């Protein structure tokens, strides 16, 4: 193997191993549905509300929906709990199709200070990359949009 072909092979393999894990960690956050965006927006809000999500913000004109769900941790050495913030953006692709983009963010509630006088703070952990968490929400919403 010549030095040039060896270098090309190493470059190709390096790029492949850098790109492959990056694409594997991006959950399917975008869905295209075959109903009008306005109807999809209404159905998503209804599904989230009926599933017990706290609806923080709604903006029908832009198609924006923000919800949050708090989970309290009861473990002895765990954080106090976490909040998952879900941002939906519903936009029309045509008169009869819409695109839904979902991003879920995690904020952990931490406890510091002494036992007698604890301090609490929120730590923003950024966007969640776990496909299972996205799929749980899609499973609640997509059947209503068929």
N, C-alpha and C. Protein backbone atom coordinates (compact mmCIF):
# COMPACT_ATOMS: atom_id res chain seq x y z
N UNK A 1 0.85 -1.16 0.00
CA UNK A 1 0.00 0.00 0.00
C UNK A 1 0.90 1.23 0.00
N UNK A 2 0.62 2.14 -0.89
CA UNK A 2 1.43 3.35 -0.99
C UNK A 2 1.08 4.30 0.15
N UNK A 3 2.00 5.19 0.49
CA UNK A 3 1.72 6.14 1.57
C UNK A 3 0.49 7.01 1.29
N UNK A 4 0.29 7.35 0.02
CA UNK A 4 -0.86 8.20 -0.33
C UNK A 4 -2.17 7.45 -0.13
N UNK A 5 -2.23 6.20 -0.58
CA UNK A 5 -3.46 5.42 -0.40
C UNK A 5 -3.69 5.10 1.08
N UNK A 6 -2.60 4.91 1.81
CA UNK A 6 -2.72 4.67 3.25
C UNK A 6 -3.32 5.90 3.95
N UNK A 7 -2.87 7.08 3.56
CA UNK A 7 -3.39 8.32 4.13
C UNK A 7 -4.86 8.51 3.77
N UNK A 8 -5.22 8.22 2.52
CA UNK A 8 -6.62 8.34 2.11
C UNK A 8 -7.51 7.37 2.88
N UNK A 9 -7.04 6.15 3.06
CA UNK A 9 -7.81 5.16 3.80
C UNK A 9 -8.01 5.60 5.25
N UNK A 10 -6.96 6.08 5.89
CA UNK A 10 -7.08 6.55 7.27
C UNK A 10 -8.02 7.75 7.37
N UNK A 11 -7.95 8.65 6.40
CA UNK A 11 -8.85 9.81 6.39
C UNK A 11 -10.30 9.36 6.27
N UNK A 12 -10.56 8.45 5.34
CA UNK A 12 -11.93 7.95 5.14
C UNK A 12 -12.45 7.28 6.41
N UNK A 13 -11.64 6.41 7.01
CA UNK A 13 -12.07 5.72 8.22
C UNK A 13 -12.31 6.69 9.38
N UNK A 14 -11.46 7.70 9.50
CA UNK A 14 -11.64 8.70 10.55
C UNK A 14 -12.96 9.44 10.38
N UNK A 15 -13.24 9.87 9.16
CA UNK A 15 -14.49 10.58 8.89
C UNK A 15 -15.68 9.67 9.16
N UNK A 16 -15.60 8.43 8.73
CA UNK A 16 -16.70 7.48 8.94
C UNK A 16 -16.99 7.29 10.42
N UNK A 17 -15.95 7.13 11.23
CA UNK A 17 -16.16 6.90 12.66
C UNK A 17 -16.58 8.16 13.40
N UNK A 18 -16.27 9.34 12.88
CA UNK A 18 -16.74 10.58 13.51
C UNK A 18 -18.19 10.85 13.14
N UNK A 19 -18.57 10.62 11.91
CA UNK A 19 -19.93 10.91 11.45
C UNK A 19 -20.92 9.87 11.95
N UNK A 20 -20.57 8.61 11.91
CA UNK A 20 -21.50 7.54 12.28
C UNK A 20 -22.03 7.68 13.71
N UNK A 21 -21.20 7.86 14.74
CA UNK A 21 -21.76 8.03 16.08
C UNK A 21 -22.59 9.30 16.22
N UNK A 22 -22.20 10.35 15.53
CA UNK A 22 -22.96 11.60 15.62
C UNK A 22 -24.36 11.43 15.06
N UNK A 23 -24.48 10.75 13.94
CA UNK A 23 -25.81 10.56 13.36
C UNK A 23 -26.62 9.55 14.17
N UNK A 24 -25.97 8.62 14.82
CA UNK A 24 -26.70 7.63 15.61
C UNK A 24 -27.29 8.25 16.87
N UNK A 25 -26.74 9.36 17.33
CA UNK A 25 -27.23 9.98 18.55
C UNK A 25 -28.29 11.03 18.30
N UNK A 26 -28.67 11.29 17.07
CA UNK A 26 -29.74 12.22 16.78
C UNK A 26 -31.05 11.46 16.69
N UNK A 27 -31.93 11.65 17.67
CA UNK A 27 -33.21 10.95 17.60
C UNK A 27 -34.08 11.53 16.50
N UNK A 28 -35.07 10.78 16.13
CA UNK A 28 -35.98 11.25 15.10
C UNK A 28 -36.88 12.30 15.72
N UNK A 29 -36.52 13.55 15.52
CA UNK A 29 -37.24 14.66 16.15
C UNK A 29 -38.20 15.35 15.20
N UNK A 30 -38.21 14.98 13.94
CA UNK A 30 -39.08 15.63 12.97
C UNK A 30 -40.01 14.60 12.35
N UNK A 31 -41.29 14.96 12.28
CA UNK A 31 -42.30 14.10 11.66
C UNK A 31 -43.06 14.91 10.63
N UNK A 32 -43.42 14.26 9.53
CA UNK A 32 -44.29 14.86 8.51
C UNK A 32 -45.61 14.11 8.57
N UNK A 33 -46.70 14.87 8.65
CA UNK A 33 -48.02 14.26 8.76
C UNK A 33 -48.92 14.77 7.64
N UNK A 34 -49.94 13.99 7.35
CA UNK A 34 -50.81 14.29 6.21
C UNK A 34 -52.12 14.96 6.65
N UNK A 35 -52.03 15.95 7.50
CA UNK A 35 -53.18 16.78 7.85
C UNK A 35 -52.72 18.23 7.90
N UNK A 36 -53.63 19.19 7.77
CA UNK A 36 -53.25 20.60 7.81
C UNK A 36 -52.60 20.98 9.14
N UNK A 37 -51.69 21.94 9.10
CA UNK A 37 -50.93 22.34 10.28
C UNK A 37 -51.83 22.86 11.39
N UNK A 38 -52.87 23.62 11.05
CA UNK A 38 -53.76 24.18 12.08
C UNK A 38 -54.49 23.07 12.84
N UNK A 39 -54.94 22.08 12.11
CA UNK A 39 -55.61 20.94 12.74
C UNK A 39 -54.63 20.13 13.59
N UNK A 40 -53.42 19.94 13.09
CA UNK A 40 -52.39 19.22 13.84
C UNK A 40 -52.06 19.94 15.14
N UNK A 41 -51.96 21.26 15.07
CA UNK A 41 -51.65 22.07 16.25
C UNK A 41 -52.70 21.83 17.34
N UNK A 42 -53.97 21.91 16.97
CA UNK A 42 -55.06 21.72 17.93
C UNK A 42 -55.03 20.32 18.53
N UNK A 43 -54.81 19.32 17.71
CA UNK A 43 -54.80 17.93 18.19
C UNK A 43 -53.61 17.66 19.11
N UNK A 44 -52.46 18.26 18.81
CA UNK A 44 -51.28 18.09 19.67
C UNK A 44 -51.53 18.70 21.04
N UNK A 45 -52.08 19.91 21.07
CA UNK A 45 -52.38 20.56 22.35
C UNK A 45 -53.36 19.71 23.15
N UNK A 46 -54.39 19.20 22.51
CA UNK A 46 -55.37 18.35 23.20
C UNK A 46 -54.72 17.08 23.76
N UNK A 47 -53.89 16.43 22.95
CA UNK A 47 -53.24 15.18 23.38
C UNK A 47 -52.32 15.43 24.57
N UNK A 48 -51.55 16.50 24.52
CA UNK A 48 -50.64 16.81 25.62
C UNK A 48 -51.41 17.14 26.90
N UNK A 49 -52.46 17.93 26.76
CA UNK A 49 -53.27 18.30 27.92
C UNK A 49 -53.93 17.07 28.54
N UNK A 50 -54.49 16.21 27.72
CA UNK A 50 -55.14 15.00 28.22
C UNK A 50 -54.15 14.02 28.84
N UNK A 51 -52.88 14.10 28.44
CA UNK A 51 -51.85 13.21 28.99
C UNK A 51 -51.23 13.78 30.27
N UNK A 52 -51.70 14.94 30.71
CA UNK A 52 -51.23 15.49 31.97
C UNK A 52 -50.02 16.40 31.88
N UNK A 53 -49.64 16.81 30.70
CA UNK A 53 -48.51 17.73 30.56
C UNK A 53 -48.94 19.13 30.96
N UNK A 54 -48.06 19.85 31.62
CA UNK A 54 -48.29 21.25 31.94
C UNK A 54 -47.96 22.06 30.69
N UNK A 55 -48.90 22.82 30.19
CA UNK A 55 -48.68 23.60 28.98
C UNK A 55 -48.20 24.99 29.39
N UNK A 56 -46.93 25.28 29.09
CA UNK A 56 -46.31 26.54 29.49
C UNK A 56 -46.67 27.68 28.54
N UNK A 57 -46.48 27.43 27.24
CA UNK A 57 -46.66 28.50 26.26
C UNK A 57 -47.32 27.95 25.01
N UNK A 58 -48.20 28.77 24.44
CA UNK A 58 -48.84 28.45 23.16
C UNK A 58 -48.78 29.69 22.28
N UNK A 59 -48.44 29.49 21.02
CA UNK A 59 -48.48 30.56 20.03
C UNK A 59 -48.93 29.94 18.71
N UNK A 60 -50.24 30.00 18.48
CA UNK A 60 -50.82 29.35 17.30
C UNK A 60 -50.26 29.93 16.00
N UNK A 61 -50.04 31.25 15.96
CA UNK A 61 -49.60 31.86 14.70
C UNK A 61 -48.24 31.34 14.24
N UNK A 62 -47.36 31.03 15.18
CA UNK A 62 -46.04 30.49 14.81
C UNK A 62 -46.01 28.97 14.88
N UNK A 63 -47.05 28.35 15.46
CA UNK A 63 -47.09 26.90 15.58
C UNK A 63 -46.29 26.37 16.76
N UNK A 64 -46.01 27.24 17.75
CA UNK A 64 -45.14 26.87 18.87
C UNK A 64 -45.97 26.37 20.06
N UNK A 65 -45.52 25.26 20.63
CA UNK A 65 -46.12 24.69 21.84
C UNK A 65 -44.97 24.34 22.79
N UNK A 66 -45.08 24.77 24.05
CA UNK A 66 -44.07 24.39 25.04
C UNK A 66 -44.77 23.77 26.24
N UNK A 67 -44.30 22.59 26.62
CA UNK A 67 -44.84 21.90 27.79
C UNK A 67 -43.70 21.54 28.73
N UNK A 68 -44.07 21.22 29.96
CA UNK A 68 -43.06 20.75 30.91
C UNK A 68 -43.67 19.66 31.78
N UNK A 69 -42.81 18.80 32.24
CA UNK A 69 -43.22 17.71 33.14
C UNK A 69 -42.13 17.54 34.18
N UNK A 70 -42.51 17.59 35.45
CA UNK A 70 -41.56 17.45 36.56
C UNK A 70 -41.62 16.03 37.11
N UNK A 71 -40.46 15.44 37.32
CA UNK A 71 -40.35 14.10 37.91
C UNK A 71 -39.51 14.21 39.18
N UNK A 72 -40.09 13.87 40.32
CA UNK A 72 -39.37 13.93 41.59
C UNK A 72 -38.61 12.63 41.79
N UNK A 73 -37.33 12.74 42.12
CA UNK A 73 -36.51 11.57 42.43
C UNK A 73 -36.58 11.31 43.93
N UNK A 74 -36.68 10.05 44.30
CA UNK A 74 -36.77 9.70 45.71
C UNK A 74 -35.53 8.97 46.22
N UNK A 75 -34.52 8.81 45.38
CA UNK A 75 -33.31 8.12 45.80
C UNK A 75 -32.52 8.93 46.81
N UNK A 76 -31.78 8.25 47.66
CA UNK A 76 -31.03 8.90 48.72
C UNK A 76 -29.90 9.78 48.18
N UNK A 77 -29.19 9.30 47.19
CA UNK A 77 -28.04 10.04 46.68
C UNK A 77 -28.28 10.63 45.30
N UNK A 78 -29.51 10.77 44.91
CA UNK A 78 -29.82 11.30 43.58
C UNK A 78 -30.13 12.79 43.66
N UNK A 79 -30.26 13.40 42.48
CA UNK A 79 -30.69 14.79 42.46
C UNK A 79 -32.14 14.85 42.93
N UNK A 80 -32.64 16.04 43.22
CA UNK A 80 -33.99 16.20 43.76
C UNK A 80 -35.07 15.82 42.75
N UNK A 81 -34.80 16.03 41.49
CA UNK A 81 -35.78 15.73 40.45
C UNK A 81 -35.35 16.38 39.16
N UNK A 82 -36.16 16.22 38.14
CA UNK A 82 -35.83 16.86 36.87
C UNK A 82 -37.10 17.31 36.17
N UNK A 83 -36.93 18.29 35.32
CA UNK A 83 -38.01 18.81 34.51
C UNK A 83 -37.64 18.60 33.05
N UNK A 84 -38.56 18.02 32.31
CA UNK A 84 -38.37 17.87 30.87
C UNK A 84 -39.23 18.93 30.19
N UNK A 85 -38.60 19.77 29.40
CA UNK A 85 -39.29 20.82 28.67
C UNK A 85 -39.35 20.40 27.21
N UNK A 86 -40.56 20.31 26.68
CA UNK A 86 -40.76 19.89 25.29
C UNK A 86 -41.19 21.09 24.46
N UNK A 87 -40.46 21.34 23.40
CA UNK A 87 -40.81 22.41 22.46
C UNK A 87 -41.24 21.78 21.14
N UNK A 88 -42.45 22.08 20.73
CA UNK A 88 -42.99 21.62 19.46
C UNK A 88 -43.09 22.82 18.53
N UNK A 89 -42.77 22.60 17.28
CA UNK A 89 -42.98 23.61 16.25
C UNK A 89 -43.72 22.93 15.11
N UNK A 90 -44.96 23.38 14.88
CA UNK A 90 -45.82 22.81 13.84
C UNK A 90 -45.86 23.81 12.69
N UNK A 91 -45.41 23.39 11.53
CA UNK A 91 -45.39 24.31 10.38
C UNK A 91 -45.98 23.63 9.15
N UNK A 92 -46.69 24.41 8.33
CA UNK A 92 -47.30 23.82 7.13
C UNK A 92 -46.25 23.55 6.05
N UNK A 93 -46.40 22.43 5.37
CA UNK A 93 -45.59 22.14 4.19
C UNK A 93 -46.40 22.41 2.93
N UNK A 94 -47.70 22.14 3.02
CA UNK A 94 -48.66 22.44 1.95
C UNK A 94 -50.02 22.60 2.62
N UNK A 95 -51.08 22.68 1.84
CA UNK A 95 -52.42 22.81 2.42
C UNK A 95 -52.82 21.60 3.25
N UNK A 96 -52.29 20.44 2.91
CA UNK A 96 -52.72 19.20 3.56
C UNK A 96 -51.62 18.47 4.31
N UNK A 97 -50.45 19.02 4.39
CA UNK A 97 -49.37 18.37 5.13
C UNK A 97 -48.70 19.36 6.07
N UNK A 98 -48.17 18.82 7.15
CA UNK A 98 -47.49 19.64 8.14
C UNK A 98 -46.23 18.93 8.62
N UNK A 99 -45.32 19.72 9.14
CA UNK A 99 -44.09 19.19 9.73
C UNK A 99 -44.11 19.54 11.21
N UNK A 100 -43.76 18.56 12.04
CA UNK A 100 -43.67 18.76 13.48
C UNK A 100 -42.22 18.52 13.89
N UNK A 101 -41.63 19.51 14.54
CA UNK A 101 -40.28 19.37 15.08
C UNK A 101 -40.39 19.38 16.60
N UNK A 102 -39.78 18.40 17.24
CA UNK A 102 -39.83 18.26 18.69
C UNK A 102 -38.41 18.29 19.25
N UNK A 103 -38.19 19.16 20.23
CA UNK A 103 -36.93 19.20 20.97
C UNK A 103 -37.27 19.10 22.45
N UNK A 104 -36.59 18.21 23.15
CA UNK A 104 -36.83 18.02 24.58
C UNK A 104 -35.55 18.38 25.33
N UNK A 105 -35.69 19.22 26.33
CA UNK A 105 -34.58 19.68 27.15
C UNK A 105 -34.74 19.17 28.57
N UNK A 106 -33.61 18.93 29.24
CA UNK A 106 -33.62 18.41 30.60
C UNK A 106 -33.01 19.44 31.54
N UNK A 107 -33.73 19.72 32.64
CA UNK A 107 -33.22 20.59 33.70
C UNK A 107 -33.28 19.79 34.99
N UNK A 108 -32.12 19.58 35.61
CA UNK A 108 -32.05 18.82 36.85
C UNK A 108 -32.08 19.76 38.05
N UNK A 109 -32.88 19.41 39.04
CA UNK A 109 -32.93 20.17 40.29
C UNK A 109 -31.91 19.54 41.23
N UNK A 110 -30.94 20.34 41.67
CA UNK A 110 -29.87 19.86 42.54
C UNK A 110 -30.01 20.46 43.93
N UNK A 111 -29.45 19.77 44.90
CA UNK A 111 -29.46 20.24 46.27
C UNK A 111 -28.03 20.42 46.74
N UNK A 112 -27.76 21.53 47.36
CA UNK A 112 -26.44 21.81 47.90
C UNK A 112 -26.58 22.37 49.30
N UNK A 113 -25.48 22.80 49.87
CA UNK A 113 -25.51 23.36 51.21
C UNK A 113 -25.54 22.28 52.27
N UNK A 114 -25.88 22.68 53.48
CA UNK A 114 -25.89 21.75 54.60
C UNK A 114 -27.25 21.07 54.72
N UNK A 115 -27.31 20.08 55.58
CA UNK A 115 -28.56 19.36 55.80
C UNK A 115 -29.62 20.27 56.42
N UNK A 116 -29.19 21.13 57.35
CA UNK A 116 -30.12 22.03 58.04
C UNK A 116 -30.58 23.19 57.16
N UNK A 117 -29.72 23.59 56.26
CA UNK A 117 -30.02 24.76 55.42
C UNK A 117 -29.66 24.46 53.96
N UNK A 118 -30.49 23.66 53.29
CA UNK A 118 -30.15 23.28 51.91
C UNK A 118 -30.39 24.42 50.92
N UNK A 119 -29.61 24.41 49.87
CA UNK A 119 -29.79 25.32 48.75
C UNK A 119 -30.18 24.48 47.54
N UNK A 120 -31.10 24.98 46.76
CA UNK A 120 -31.53 24.28 45.56
C UNK A 120 -31.17 25.11 44.34
N UNK A 121 -30.74 24.45 43.31
CA UNK A 121 -30.46 25.14 42.05
C UNK A 121 -30.79 24.21 40.89
N UNK A 122 -31.07 24.82 39.76
CA UNK A 122 -31.41 24.07 38.55
C UNK A 122 -30.21 24.04 37.63
N UNK A 123 -29.89 22.85 37.13
CA UNK A 123 -28.78 22.68 36.20
C UNK A 123 -29.33 22.28 34.84
N UNK A 124 -29.12 23.15 33.86
CA UNK A 124 -29.60 22.89 32.50
C UNK A 124 -28.68 21.87 31.84
N UNK A 125 -29.21 20.70 31.52
CA UNK A 125 -28.43 19.63 30.90
C UNK A 125 -28.51 19.65 29.38
N UNK A 126 -29.30 20.57 28.82
CA UNK A 126 -29.38 20.70 27.37
C UNK A 126 -30.38 19.74 26.75
N UNK A 127 -30.24 19.57 25.46
CA UNK A 127 -31.19 18.76 24.69
C UNK A 127 -30.98 17.27 24.98
N UNK A 128 -32.06 16.56 25.10
CA UNK A 128 -32.02 15.12 25.34
C UNK A 128 -31.81 14.41 24.01
N UNK A 129 -30.95 13.41 24.00
CA UNK A 129 -30.65 12.65 22.78
C UNK A 129 -31.19 11.22 22.82
N UNK A 130 -31.94 10.89 23.85
CA UNK A 130 -32.45 9.52 24.03
C UNK A 130 -33.71 9.31 23.19
N UNK A 131 -33.62 8.42 22.21
CA UNK A 131 -34.76 8.14 21.32
C UNK A 131 -36.00 7.68 22.08
N UNK A 132 -35.81 6.96 23.18
CA UNK A 132 -36.95 6.41 23.92
C UNK A 132 -37.85 7.52 24.47
N UNK A 133 -37.26 8.59 24.93
CA UNK A 133 -38.04 9.69 25.50
C UNK A 133 -38.85 10.38 24.41
N UNK A 134 -38.25 10.57 23.24
CA UNK A 134 -38.99 11.16 22.12
C UNK A 134 -40.11 10.22 21.69
N UNK A 135 -39.82 8.93 21.64
CA UNK A 135 -40.81 7.97 21.17
C UNK A 135 -42.02 7.91 22.10
N UNK A 136 -41.81 8.10 23.41
CA UNK A 136 -42.92 8.11 24.35
C UNK A 136 -43.91 9.22 24.01
N UNK A 137 -43.41 10.39 23.66
CA UNK A 137 -44.29 11.50 23.31
C UNK A 137 -44.93 11.27 21.95
N UNK A 138 -44.14 10.81 20.97
CA UNK A 138 -44.72 10.53 19.64
C UNK A 138 -45.83 9.49 19.75
N UNK A 139 -45.67 8.50 20.62
CA UNK A 139 -46.70 7.46 20.76
C UNK A 139 -48.02 8.02 21.27
N UNK A 140 -47.98 9.10 22.02
CA UNK A 140 -49.20 9.73 22.50
C UNK A 140 -49.84 10.62 21.44
N UNK A 141 -49.02 11.22 20.60
CA UNK A 141 -49.52 12.24 19.67
C UNK A 141 -49.88 11.67 18.30
N UNK A 142 -49.00 10.88 17.72
CA UNK A 142 -49.18 10.44 16.33
C UNK A 142 -50.47 9.67 16.06
N UNK A 143 -50.96 8.81 16.97
CA UNK A 143 -52.23 8.14 16.66
C UNK A 143 -53.40 9.12 16.45
N UNK A 144 -53.35 10.27 17.09
CA UNK A 144 -54.42 11.26 16.93
C UNK A 144 -54.30 12.03 15.62
N UNK A 145 -53.14 11.94 14.99
CA UNK A 145 -52.90 12.72 13.77
C UNK A 145 -53.04 11.89 12.51
N UNK A 146 -53.49 10.66 12.62
CA UNK A 146 -53.64 9.78 11.45
C UNK A 146 -54.97 10.01 10.78
